[in-house]
Amino acid sequence: KLGNIRSCRDYYVYWAFEWDALYVHFGGPFYIDEVI
C-alpha cells in the first residue's frame, strides 16, 4: 500500500528526473502536459 496519491505539479517531475524514477501521480493541471 503506497499513498495516498495526489496530482502532479510539473516542478516535482524535474526532481524525479534526477533519480530516473518511475513517477506515480493522479492527474494534474494542464501545466504538466509537456514535461509529463
PDB file of all heavy atoms in Angstrom:
ATOM      1  N   LYS A   1       0.848  -1.186   0.000  1.00  0.00           N
ATOM      2  CA  LYS A   1       0.000   0.000   0.000  1.00  0.00           C
ATOM      3  C   LYS A   1       0.884   1.237   0.000  1.00  0.00           C
ATOM      4  O   LYS A   1       1.613   1.479   0.957  1.00  0.00           O
ATOM      5  CB  LYS A   1      -0.914   0.002   1.231  1.00  0.00           C
ATOM      6  CG  LYS A   1      -1.999   1.064   1.210  1.00  0.00           C
ATOM      7  CD  LYS A   1      -2.907   0.888   2.422  1.00  0.00           C
ATOM      8  CE  LYS A   1      -4.067   1.867   2.401  1.00  0.00           C
ATOM      9  NZ  LYS A   1      -4.944   1.698   3.590  1.00  0.00           N
ATOM     10  N   LEU A   2       0.816   2.010  -1.063  1.00  0.00           N
ATOM     11  CA  LEU A   2       1.617   3.214  -1.208  1.00  0.00           C
ATOM     12  C   LEU A   2       0.683   4.386  -1.514  1.00  0.00           C
ATOM     13  O   LEU A   2      -0.113   4.337  -2.437  1.00  0.00           O
ATOM     14  CB  LEU A   2       2.638   3.049  -2.341  1.00  0.00           C
ATOM     15  CG  LEU A   2       3.691   1.951  -2.153  1.00  0.00           C
ATOM     16  CD1 LEU A   2       4.434   1.705  -3.464  1.00  0.00           C
ATOM     17  CD2 LEU A   2       4.678   2.323  -1.052  1.00  0.00           C
ATOM     18  N   GLY A   3       0.807   5.451  -0.764  1.00  0.00           N
ATOM     19  CA  GLY A   3      -0.048   6.618  -0.999  1.00  0.00           C
ATOM     20  C   GLY A   3      -0.407   7.296   0.301  1.00  0.00           C
ATOM     21  O   GLY A   3       0.281   7.096   1.299  1.00  0.00           O
ATOM     22  N   ASN A   4      -1.508   8.062   0.348  1.00  0.00           N
ATOM     23  CA  ASN A   4      -2.413   8.237  -0.769  1.00  0.00           C
ATOM     24  C   ASN A   4      -1.763   9.111  -1.837  1.00  0.00           C
ATOM     25  O   ASN A   4      -0.847   9.886  -1.554  1.00  0.00           O
ATOM     26  CB  ASN A   4      -3.764   8.795  -0.326  1.00  0.00           C
ATOM     27  CG  ASN A   4      -3.761  10.246   0.087  1.00  0.00           C
ATOM     28  OD1 ASN A   4      -3.363  10.578   1.206  1.00  0.00           O
ATOM     29  ND2 ASN A   4      -4.210  11.116  -0.827  1.00  0.00           N
ATOM     30  N   ILE A   5      -2.245   8.964  -3.042  1.00  0.00           N
ATOM     31  CA  ILE A   5      -1.593   9.579  -4.197  1.00  0.00           C
ATOM     32  C   ILE A   5      -2.452  10.715  -4.721  1.00  0.00           C
ATOM     33  O   ILE A   5      -3.669  10.581  -4.875  1.00  0.00           O
ATOM     34  CB  ILE A   5      -1.345   8.510  -5.282  1.00  0.00           C
ATOM     35  CG1 ILE A   5      -0.400   7.436  -4.719  1.00  0.00           C
ATOM     36  CG2 ILE A   5      -0.766   9.134  -6.545  1.00  0.00           C
ATOM     37  CD1 ILE A   5      -0.301   6.200  -5.572  1.00  0.00           C
ATOM     38  N   ARG A   6      -1.790  11.840  -4.978  1.00  0.00           N
ATOM     39  CA  ARG A   6      -2.497  13.018  -5.486  1.00  0.00           C
ATOM     40  C   ARG A   6      -1.838  13.519  -6.770  1.00  0.00           C
ATOM     41  O   ARG A   6      -0.920  12.914  -7.316  1.00  0.00           O
ATOM     42  CB  ARG A   6      -2.531  14.121  -4.424  1.00  0.00           C
ATOM     43  CG  ARG A   6      -3.462  13.834  -3.254  1.00  0.00           C
ATOM     44  CD  ARG A   6      -4.918  13.747  -3.663  1.00  0.00           C
ATOM     45  NE  ARG A   6      -5.431  14.981  -4.227  1.00  0.00           N
ATOM     46  CZ  ARG A   6      -6.018  15.941  -3.520  1.00  0.00           C
ATOM     47  NH1 ARG A   6      -6.177  15.813  -2.212  1.00  0.00           N
ATOM     48  NH2 ARG A   6      -6.476  17.042  -4.109  1.00  0.00           N
ATOM     49  N   SER A   7      -2.275  14.672  -7.229  1.00  0.00           N
ATOM     50  CA  SER A   7      -1.911  15.154  -8.563  1.00  0.00           C
ATOM     51  C   SER A   7      -0.494  15.711  -8.636  1.00  0.00           C
ATOM     52  O   SER A   7       0.114  16.094  -7.641  1.00  0.00           O
ATOM     53  CB  SER A   7      -2.909  16.218  -9.019  1.00  0.00           C
ATOM     54  OG  SER A   7      -2.944  17.297  -8.108  1.00  0.00           O
ATOM     55  N   CYS A   8      -0.034  15.755  -9.860  1.00  0.00           N
ATOM     56  CA  CYS A   8       1.322  16.196 -10.189  1.00  0.00           C
ATOM     57  C   CYS A   8       1.414  17.725 -10.234  1.00  0.00           C
ATOM     58  O   CYS A   8       0.447  18.407 -10.547  1.00  0.00           O
ATOM     59  CB  CYS A   8       1.692  15.600 -11.550  1.00  0.00           C
ATOM     60  SG  CYS A   8       3.185  16.253 -12.304  1.00  0.00           S
ATOM     61  N   ARG A   9       2.592  18.240  -9.920  1.00  0.00           N
ATOM     62  CA  ARG A   9       2.989  19.607 -10.258  1.00  0.00           C
ATOM     63  C   ARG A   9       4.282  19.481 -11.051  1.00  0.00           C
ATOM     64  O   ARG A   9       5.162  18.704 -10.685  1.00  0.00           O
ATOM     65  CB  ARG A   9       3.194  20.465  -9.010  1.00  0.00           C
ATOM     66  CG  ARG A   9       1.958  20.640  -8.145  1.00  0.00           C
ATOM     67  CD  ARG A   9       0.851  21.398  -8.882  1.00  0.00           C
ATOM     68  NE  ARG A   9      -0.334  21.561  -8.049  1.00  0.00           N
ATOM     69  CZ  ARG A   9      -1.345  20.701  -8.006  1.00  0.00           C
ATOM     70  NH1 ARG A   9      -1.303  19.590  -8.744  1.00  0.00           N
ATOM     71  NH2 ARG A   9      -2.389  20.919  -7.224  1.00  0.00           N
ATOM     72  N   ASP A  10       4.414  20.249 -12.112  1.00  0.00           N
ATOM     73  CA  ASP A  10       5.496  19.976 -13.060  1.00  0.00           C
ATOM     74  C   ASP A  10       6.885  20.086 -12.458  1.00  0.00           C
ATOM     75  O   ASP A  10       7.792  19.351 -12.849  1.00  0.00           O
ATOM     76  CB  ASP A  10       5.375  20.870 -14.297  1.00  0.00           C
ATOM     77  CG  ASP A  10       5.318  22.353 -13.982  1.00  0.00           C
ATOM     78  OD1 ASP A  10       5.183  22.720 -12.796  1.00  0.00           O
ATOM     79  OD2 ASP A  10       5.403  23.154 -14.936  1.00  0.00           O
ATOM     80  N   TYR A  11       7.087  20.968 -11.465  1.00  0.00           N
ATOM     81  CA  TYR A  11       8.433  21.123 -10.923  1.00  0.00           C
ATOM     82  C   TYR A  11       8.904  19.866 -10.197  1.00  0.00           C
ATOM     83  O   TYR A  11      10.101  19.573 -10.173  1.00  0.00           O
ATOM     84  CB  TYR A  11       8.539  22.355 -10.021  1.00  0.00           C
ATOM     85  CG  TYR A  11       7.324  22.724  -9.200  1.00  0.00           C
ATOM     86  CD1 TYR A  11       7.195  22.350  -7.874  1.00  0.00           C
ATOM     87  CD2 TYR A  11       6.298  23.504  -9.754  1.00  0.00           C
ATOM     88  CE1 TYR A  11       6.098  22.715  -7.113  1.00  0.00           C
ATOM     89  CE2 TYR A  11       5.188  23.879  -9.001  1.00  0.00           C
ATOM     90  CZ  TYR A  11       5.086  23.475  -7.676  1.00  0.00           C
ATOM     91  OH  TYR A  11       3.992  23.843  -6.935  1.00  0.00           O
ATOM     92  N   TYR A  12       7.975  19.102  -9.634  1.00  0.00           N
ATOM     93  CA  TYR A  12       8.377  17.848  -8.993  1.00  0.00           C
ATOM     94  C   TYR A  12       8.938  16.850 -10.005  1.00  0.00           C
ATOM     95  O   TYR A  12       9.798  16.034  -9.671  1.00  0.00           O
ATOM     96  CB  TYR A  12       7.187  17.215  -8.283  1.00  0.00           C
ATOM     97  CG  TYR A  12       6.768  17.911  -7.007  1.00  0.00           C
ATOM     98  CD1 TYR A  12       5.758  18.866  -7.011  1.00  0.00           C
ATOM     99  CD2 TYR A  12       7.368  17.607  -5.791  1.00  0.00           C
ATOM    100  CE1 TYR A  12       5.368  19.500  -5.843  1.00  0.00           C
ATOM    101  CE2 TYR A  12       6.987  18.227  -4.618  1.00  0.00           C
ATOM    102  CZ  TYR A  12       5.979  19.184  -4.647  1.00  0.00           C
ATOM    103  OH  TYR A  12       5.599  19.804  -3.492  1.00  0.00           O
ATOM    104  N   VAL A  13       8.443  16.896 -11.220  1.00  0.00           N
ATOM    105  CA  VAL A  13       8.908  15.941 -12.231  1.00  0.00           C
ATOM    106  C   VAL A  13      10.396  16.141 -12.509  1.00  0.00           C
ATOM    107  O   VAL A  13      11.136  15.176 -12.717  1.00  0.00           O
ATOM    108  CB  VAL A  13       8.091  16.075 -13.530  1.00  0.00           C
ATOM    109  CG1 VAL A  13       8.581  15.072 -14.570  1.00  0.00           C
ATOM    110  CG2 VAL A  13       6.606  15.861 -13.247  1.00  0.00           C
ATOM    111  N   TYR A  14      10.846  17.392 -12.482  1.00  0.00           N
ATOM    112  CA  TYR A  14      12.264  17.648 -12.734  1.00  0.00           C
ATOM    113  C   TYR A  14      13.140  17.084 -11.624  1.00  0.00           C
ATOM    114  O   TYR A  14      14.277  16.668 -11.863  1.00  0.00           O
ATOM    115  CB  TYR A  14      12.504  19.145 -12.910  1.00  0.00           C
ATOM    116  CG  TYR A  14      11.961  19.664 -14.219  1.00  0.00           C
ATOM    117  CD1 TYR A  14      10.663  20.156 -14.304  1.00  0.00           C
ATOM    118  CD2 TYR A  14      12.733  19.628 -15.373  1.00  0.00           C
ATOM    119  CE1 TYR A  14      10.152  20.616 -15.509  1.00  0.00           C
ATOM    120  CE2 TYR A  14      12.229  20.079 -16.581  1.00  0.00           C
ATOM    121  CZ  TYR A  14      10.936  20.572 -16.638  1.00  0.00           C
ATOM    122  OH  TYR A  14      10.416  21.013 -17.831  1.00  0.00           O
ATOM    123  N   TRP A  15      12.630  17.077 -10.403  1.00  0.00           N
ATOM    124  CA  TRP A  15      13.394  16.444  -9.320  1.00  0.00           C
ATOM    125  C   TRP A  15      13.339  14.930  -9.438  1.00  0.00           C
ATOM    126  O   TRP A  15      14.318  14.250  -9.129  1.00  0.00           O
ATOM    127  CB  TRP A  15      12.858  16.927  -7.966  1.00  0.00           C
ATOM    128  CG  TRP A  15      12.980  18.417  -7.812  1.00  0.00           C
ATOM    129  CD1 TRP A  15      14.032  19.211  -8.212  1.00  0.00           C
ATOM    130  CD2 TRP A  15      12.002  19.318  -7.274  1.00  0.00           C
ATOM    131  NE1 TRP A  15      13.763  20.531  -7.943  1.00  0.00           N
ATOM    132  CE2 TRP A  15      12.535  20.642  -7.355  1.00  0.00           C
ATOM    133  CE3 TRP A  15      10.745  19.154  -6.709  1.00  0.00           C
ATOM    134  CZ2 TRP A  15      11.838  21.760  -6.910  1.00  0.00           C
ATOM    135  CZ3 TRP A  15      10.052  20.269  -6.253  1.00  0.00           C
ATOM    136  CH2 TRP A  15      10.600  21.556  -6.359  1.00  0.00           C
ATOM    137  N   ALA A  16      12.234  14.385  -9.931  1.00  0.00           N
ATOM    138  CA  ALA A  16      12.150  12.935 -10.157  1.00  0.00           C
ATOM    139  C   ALA A  16      13.100  12.494 -11.274  1.00  0.00           C
ATOM    140  O   ALA A  16      13.643  11.385 -11.231  1.00  0.00           O
ATOM    141  CB  ALA A  16      10.713  12.537 -10.490  1.00  0.00           C
ATOM    142  N   PHE A  17      13.265  13.345 -12.301  1.00  0.00           N
ATOM    143  CA  PHE A  17      14.191  13.040 -13.387  1.00  0.00           C
ATOM    144  C   PHE A  17      15.562  12.637 -12.847  1.00  0.00           C
ATOM    145  O   PHE A  17      16.221  11.744 -13.391  1.00  0.00           O
ATOM    146  CB  PHE A  17      14.391  14.275 -14.275  1.00  0.00           C
ATOM    147  CG  PHE A  17      13.362  14.452 -15.368  1.00  0.00           C
ATOM    148  CD1 PHE A  17      13.053  15.730 -15.828  1.00  0.00           C
ATOM    149  CD2 PHE A  17      12.731  13.381 -15.956  1.00  0.00           C
ATOM    150  CE1 PHE A  17      12.131  15.926 -16.839  1.00  0.00           C
ATOM    151  CE2 PHE A  17      11.798  13.557 -16.965  1.00  0.00           C
ATOM    152  CZ  PHE A  17      11.499  14.837 -17.406  1.00  0.00           C
ATOM    153  N   GLU A  18      16.023  13.321 -11.800  1.00  0.00           N
ATOM    154  CA  GLU A  18      17.391  13.133 -11.302  1.00  0.00           C
ATOM    155  C   GLU A  18      17.671  11.701 -10.860  1.00  0.00           C
ATOM    156  O   GLU A  18      18.818  11.271 -10.815  1.00  0.00           O
ATOM    157  CB  GLU A  18      17.655  14.057 -10.115  1.00  0.00           C
ATOM    158  CG  GLU A  18      17.511  15.528 -10.426  1.00  0.00           C
ATOM    159  CD  GLU A  18      17.919  16.412  -9.259  1.00  0.00           C
ATOM    160  OE1 GLU A  18      18.552  15.889  -8.310  1.00  0.00           O
ATOM    161  OE2 GLU A  18      17.620  17.611  -9.300  1.00  0.00           O
ATOM    162  N   TRP A  19      16.612  10.981 -10.507  1.00  0.00           N
ATOM    163  CA  TRP A  19      16.774   9.627  -9.985  1.00  0.00           C
ATOM    164  C   TRP A  19      16.384   8.569 -11.011  1.00  0.00           C
ATOM    165  O   TRP A  19      16.387   7.377 -10.692  1.00  0.00           O
ATOM    166  CB  TRP A  19      15.917   9.468  -8.732  1.00  0.00           C
ATOM    167  CG  TRP A  19      16.231  10.491  -7.685  1.00  0.00           C
ATOM    168  CD1 TRP A  19      15.539  11.640  -7.396  1.00  0.00           C
ATOM    169  CD2 TRP A  19      17.342  10.486  -6.789  1.00  0.00           C
ATOM    170  NE1 TRP A  19      16.133  12.333  -6.381  1.00  0.00           N
ATOM    171  CE2 TRP A  19      17.257  11.645  -5.994  1.00  0.00           C
ATOM    172  CE3 TRP A  19      18.406   9.603  -6.580  1.00  0.00           C
ATOM    173  CZ2 TRP A  19      18.192  11.945  -5.000  1.00  0.00           C
ATOM    174  CZ3 TRP A  19      19.335   9.905  -5.598  1.00  0.00           C
ATOM    175  CH2 TRP A  19      19.218  11.063  -4.816  1.00  0.00           C
ATOM    176  N   ASP A  20      16.023   8.974 -12.229  1.00  0.00           N
ATOM    177  CA  ASP A  20      15.469   8.065 -13.240  1.00  0.00           C
ATOM    178  C   ASP A  20      14.301   7.290 -12.647  1.00  0.00           C
ATOM    179  O   ASP A  20      14.149   6.078 -12.819  1.00  0.00           O
ATOM    180  CB  ASP A  20      16.542   7.106 -13.765  1.00  0.00           C
ATOM    181  CG  ASP A  20      16.070   6.336 -15.014  1.00  0.00           C
ATOM    182  OD1 ASP A  20      15.159   6.838 -15.705  1.00  0.00           O
ATOM    183  OD2 ASP A  20      16.606   5.243 -15.266  1.00  0.00           O
ATOM    184  N   ALA A  21      13.451   8.018 -11.914  1.00  0.00           N
ATOM    185  CA  ALA A  21      12.362   7.386 -11.172  1.00  0.00           C
ATOM    186  C   ALA A  21      11.135   7.171 -12.048  1.00  0.00           C
ATOM    187  O   ALA A  21      10.897   7.898 -13.013  1.00  0.00           O
ATOM    188  CB  ALA A  21      11.981   8.259  -9.971  1.00  0.00           C
ATOM    189  N   LEU A  22      10.349   6.168 -11.685  1.00  0.00           N
ATOM    190  CA  LEU A  22       9.011   5.982 -12.245  1.00  0.00           C
ATOM    191  C   LEU A  22       8.079   6.890 -11.446  1.00  0.00           C
ATOM    192  O   LEU A  22       7.920   6.717 -10.231  1.00  0.00           O
ATOM    193  CB  LEU A  22       8.588   4.523 -12.121  1.00  0.00           C
ATOM    194  CG  LEU A  22       9.442   3.515 -12.890  1.00  0.00           C
ATOM    195  CD1 LEU A  22       9.223   2.107 -12.344  1.00  0.00           C
ATOM    196  CD2 LEU A  22       9.131   3.570 -14.380  1.00  0.00           C
ATOM    197  N   TYR A  23       7.464   7.850 -12.116  1.00  0.00           N
ATOM    198  CA  TYR A  23       6.706   8.898 -11.438  1.00  0.00           C
ATOM    199  C   TYR A  23       5.247   8.471 -11.272  1.00  0.00           C
ATOM    200  O   TYR A  23       4.563   8.152 -12.256  1.00  0.00           O
ATOM    201  CB  TYR A  23       6.809  10.193 -12.249  1.00  0.00           C
ATOM    202  CG  TYR A  23       6.230  11.411 -11.583  1.00  0.00           C
ATOM    203  CD1 TYR A  23       6.969  12.111 -10.634  1.00  0.00           C
ATOM    204  CD2 TYR A  23       4.954  11.864 -11.896  1.00  0.00           C
ATOM    205  CE1 TYR A  23       6.446  13.244 -10.022  1.00  0.00           C
ATOM    206  CE2 TYR A  23       4.426  12.986 -11.292  1.00  0.00           C
ATOM    207  CZ  TYR A  23       5.176  13.674 -10.352  1.00  0.00           C
ATOM    208  OH  TYR A  23       4.650  14.778  -9.738  1.00  0.00           O
ATOM    209  N   VAL A  24       4.761   8.447 -10.025  1.00  0.00           N
ATOM    210  CA  VAL A  24       3.417   7.965  -9.710  1.00  0.00           C
ATOM    211  C   VAL A  24       2.568   9.138  -9.227  1.00  0.00           C
ATOM    212  O   VAL A  24       2.916   9.799  -8.239  1.00  0.00           O
ATOM    213  CB  VAL A  24       3.467   6.858  -8.637  1.00  0.00           C
ATOM    214  CG1 VAL A  24       2.069   6.307  -8.376  1.00  0.00           C
ATOM    215  CG2 VAL A  24       4.425   5.745  -9.046  1.00  0.00           C
ATOM    216  N   HIS A  25       1.440   9.394  -9.902  1.00  0.00           N
ATOM    217  CA  HIS A  25       0.610  10.557  -9.576  1.00  0.00           C
ATOM    218  C   HIS A  25      -0.832  10.264  -9.953  1.00  0.00           C
ATOM    219  O   HIS A  25      -1.161   9.211 -10.507  1.00  0.00           O
ATOM    220  CB  HIS A  25       1.105  11.793 -10.324  1.00  0.00           C
ATOM    221  CG  HIS A  25       0.943  11.701 -11.818  1.00  0.00           C
ATOM    222  ND1 HIS A  25       0.026  12.444 -12.529  1.00  0.00           N
ATOM    223  CD2 HIS A  25       1.578  10.924 -12.739  1.00  0.00           C
ATOM    224  CE1 HIS A  25       0.108  12.152 -13.816  1.00  0.00           C
ATOM    225  NE2 HIS A  25       1.036  11.226 -13.966  1.00  0.00           N
ATOM    226  N   PHE A  26      -1.707  11.239  -9.655  1.00  0.00           N
ATOM    227  CA  PHE A  26      -3.123  11.094 -10.001  1.00  0.00           C
ATOM    228  C   PHE A  26      -3.551  12.374 -10.716  1.00  0.00           C
ATOM    229  O   PHE A  26      -4.093  13.290 -10.126  1.00  0.00           O
ATOM    230  CB  PHE A  26      -3.971  10.864  -8.742  1.00  0.00           C
ATOM    231  CG  PHE A  26      -5.256  10.135  -9.009  1.00  0.00           C
ATOM    232  CD1 PHE A  26      -5.406   8.806  -8.640  1.00  0.00           C
ATOM    233  CD2 PHE A  26      -6.314  10.767  -9.646  1.00  0.00           C
ATOM    234  CE1 PHE A  26      -6.588   8.118  -8.888  1.00  0.00           C
ATOM    235  CE2 PHE A  26      -7.493  10.088  -9.906  1.00  0.00           C
ATOM    236  CZ  PHE A  26      -7.636   8.757  -9.530  1.00  0.00           C
ATOM    237  N   GLY A  27      -3.261  12.415 -12.024  1.00  0.00           N
ATOM    238  CA  GLY A  27      -3.626  13.573 -12.830  1.00  0.00           C
ATOM    239  C   GLY A  27      -2.778  14.795 -12.512  1.00  0.00           C
ATOM    240  O   GLY A  27      -1.662  14.697 -11.988  1.00  0.00           O
ATOM    241  N   GLY A  28      -3.338  15.981 -12.823  1.00  0.00           N
ATOM    242  CA  GLY A  28      -2.646  17.243 -12.593  1.00  0.00           C
ATOM    243  C   GLY A  28      -3.151  18.308 -13.539  1.00  0.00           C
ATOM    244  O   GLY A  28      -3.831  18.012 -14.533  1.00  0.00           O
ATOM    245  N   PRO A  29      -2.837  19.584 -13.285  1.00  0.00           N
ATOM    246  CA  PRO A  29      -3.279  20.678 -14.148  1.00  0.00           C
ATOM    247  C   PRO A  29      -2.586  20.626 -15.505  1.00  0.00           C
ATOM    248  O   PRO A  29      -1.578  19.924 -15.678  1.00  0.00           O
ATOM    249  CB  PRO A  29      -2.879  21.924 -13.369  1.00  0.00           C
ATOM    250  CG  PRO A  29      -1.727  21.483 -12.534  1.00  0.00           C
ATOM    251  CD  PRO A  29      -2.005  20.062 -12.166  1.00  0.00           C
ATOM    252  N   PHE A  30      -3.090  21.392 -16.469  1.00  0.00           N
ATOM    253  CA  PHE A  30      -2.548  21.326 -17.820  1.00  0.00           C
ATOM    254  C   PHE A  30      -1.098  21.780 -17.890  1.00  0.00           C
ATOM    255  O   PHE A  30      -0.400  21.489 -18.867  1.00  0.00           O
ATOM    256  CB  PHE A  30      -3.400  22.162 -18.789  1.00  0.00           C
ATOM    257  CG  PHE A  30      -3.272  23.642 -18.625  1.00  0.00           C
ATOM    258  CD1 PHE A  30      -2.311  24.356 -19.325  1.00  0.00           C
ATOM    259  CD2 PHE A  30      -4.109  24.342 -17.747  1.00  0.00           C
ATOM    260  CE1 PHE A  30      -2.180  25.727 -19.183  1.00  0.00           C
ATOM    261  CE2 PHE A  30      -3.989  25.710 -17.600  1.00  0.00           C
ATOM    262  CZ  PHE A  30      -3.022  26.407 -18.308  1.00  0.00           C
ATOM    263  N   TYR A  31      -0.605  22.456 -16.869  1.00  0.00           N
ATOM    264  CA  TYR A  31       0.795  22.893 -16.861  1.00  0.00           C
ATOM    265  C   TYR A  31       1.768  21.712 -16.910  1.00  0.00           C
ATOM    266  O   TYR A  31       2.931  21.882 -17.274  1.00  0.00           O
ATOM    267  CB  TYR A  31       1.090  23.715 -15.607  1.00  0.00           C
ATOM    268  CG  TYR A  31       0.351  25.035 -15.534  1.00  0.00           C
ATOM    269  CD1 TYR A  31      -0.619  25.244 -14.560  1.00  0.00           C
ATOM    270  CD2 TYR A  31       0.631  26.067 -16.423  1.00  0.00           C
ATOM    271  CE1 TYR A  31      -1.302  26.452 -14.474  1.00  0.00           C
ATOM    272  CE2 TYR A  31      -0.052  27.276 -16.358  1.00  0.00           C
ATOM    273  CZ  TYR A  31      -1.017  27.475 -15.382  1.00  0.00           C
ATOM    274  OH  TYR A  31      -1.686  28.669 -15.306  1.00  0.00           O
ATOM    275  N   ILE A  32       1.305  20.526 -16.547  1.00  0.00           N
ATOM    276  CA  ILE A  32       2.206  19.375 -16.515  1.00  0.00           C
ATOM    277  C   ILE A  32       2.338  18.695 -17.872  1.00  0.00           C
ATOM    278  O   ILE A  32       3.206  17.836 -18.049  1.00  0.00           O
ATOM    279  CB  ILE A  32       1.733  18.329 -15.487  1.00  0.00           C
ATOM    280  CG1 ILE A  32       0.491  17.585 -16.003  1.00  0.00           C
ATOM    281  CG2 ILE A  32       1.471  18.963 -14.135  1.00  0.00           C
ATOM    282  CD1 ILE A  32       0.098  16.383 -15.165  1.00  0.00           C
ATOM    283  N   ASP A  33       1.489  19.041 -18.838  1.00  0.00           N
ATOM    284  CA  ASP A  33       1.341  18.229 -20.048  1.00  0.00           C
ATOM    285  C   ASP A  33       2.655  17.977 -20.777  1.00  0.00           C
ATOM    286  O   ASP A  33       2.949  16.839 -21.185  1.00  0.00           O
ATOM    287  CB  ASP A  33       0.334  18.882 -21.003  1.00  0.00           C
ATOM    288  CG  ASP A  33      -1.093  18.827 -20.475  1.00  0.00           C
ATOM    289  OD1 ASP A  33      -1.314  18.121 -19.459  1.00  0.00           O
ATOM    290  OD2 ASP A  33      -1.971  19.491 -21.057  1.00  0.00           O
ATOM    291  N   GLU A  34       3.456  19.010 -20.958  1.00  0.00           N
ATOM    292  CA  GLU A  34       4.685  18.843 -21.740  1.00  0.00           C
ATOM    293  C   GLU A  34       5.697  17.978 -21.013  1.00  0.00           C
ATOM    294  O   GLU A  34       6.230  17.005 -21.573  1.00  0.00           O
ATOM    295  CB  GLU A  34       5.294  20.207 -22.067  1.00  0.00           C
ATOM    296  CG  GLU A  34       6.433  20.151 -23.102  1.00  0.00           C
ATOM    297  CD  GLU A  34       7.776  19.786 -22.487  1.00  0.00           C
ATOM    298  OE1 GLU A  34       7.995  20.112 -21.293  1.00  0.00           O
ATOM    299  OE2 GLU A  34       8.601  19.165 -23.181  1.00  0.00           O
ATOM    300  N   VAL A  35       5.950  18.280 -19.756  1.00  0.00           N
ATOM    301  CA  VAL A  35       7.014  17.563 -19.047  1.00  0.00           C
ATOM    302  C   VAL A  35       6.596  16.133 -18.711  1.00  0.00           C
ATOM    303  O   VAL A  35       7.422  15.217 -18.743  1.00  0.00           O
ATOM    304  CB  VAL A  35       7.449  18.331 -17.780  1.00  0.00           C
ATOM    305  CG1 VAL A  35       6.358  18.333 -16.719  1.00  0.00           C
ATOM    306  CG2 VAL A  35       8.743  17.758 -17.216  1.00  0.00           C
ATOM    307  N   ILE A  36       5.319  15.902 -18.431  1.00  0.00           N
ATOM    308  CA  ILE A  36       4.891  14.557 -18.078  1.00  0.00           C
ATOM    309  C   ILE A  36       4.962  13.629 -19.286  1.00  0.00           C
ATOM    310  O   ILE A  36       5.134  12.417 -19.149  1.00  0.00           O
ATOM    311  CB  ILE A  36       3.464  14.573 -17.477  1.00  0.00           C
ATOM    312  CG1 ILE A  36       3.269  13.352 -16.563  1.00  0.00           C
ATOM    313  CG2 ILE A  36       2.403  14.613 -18.555  1.00  0.00           C
ATOM    314  CD1 ILE A  36       4.054  13.408 -15.284  1.00  0.00           C
TER     315      ILE A  36
END
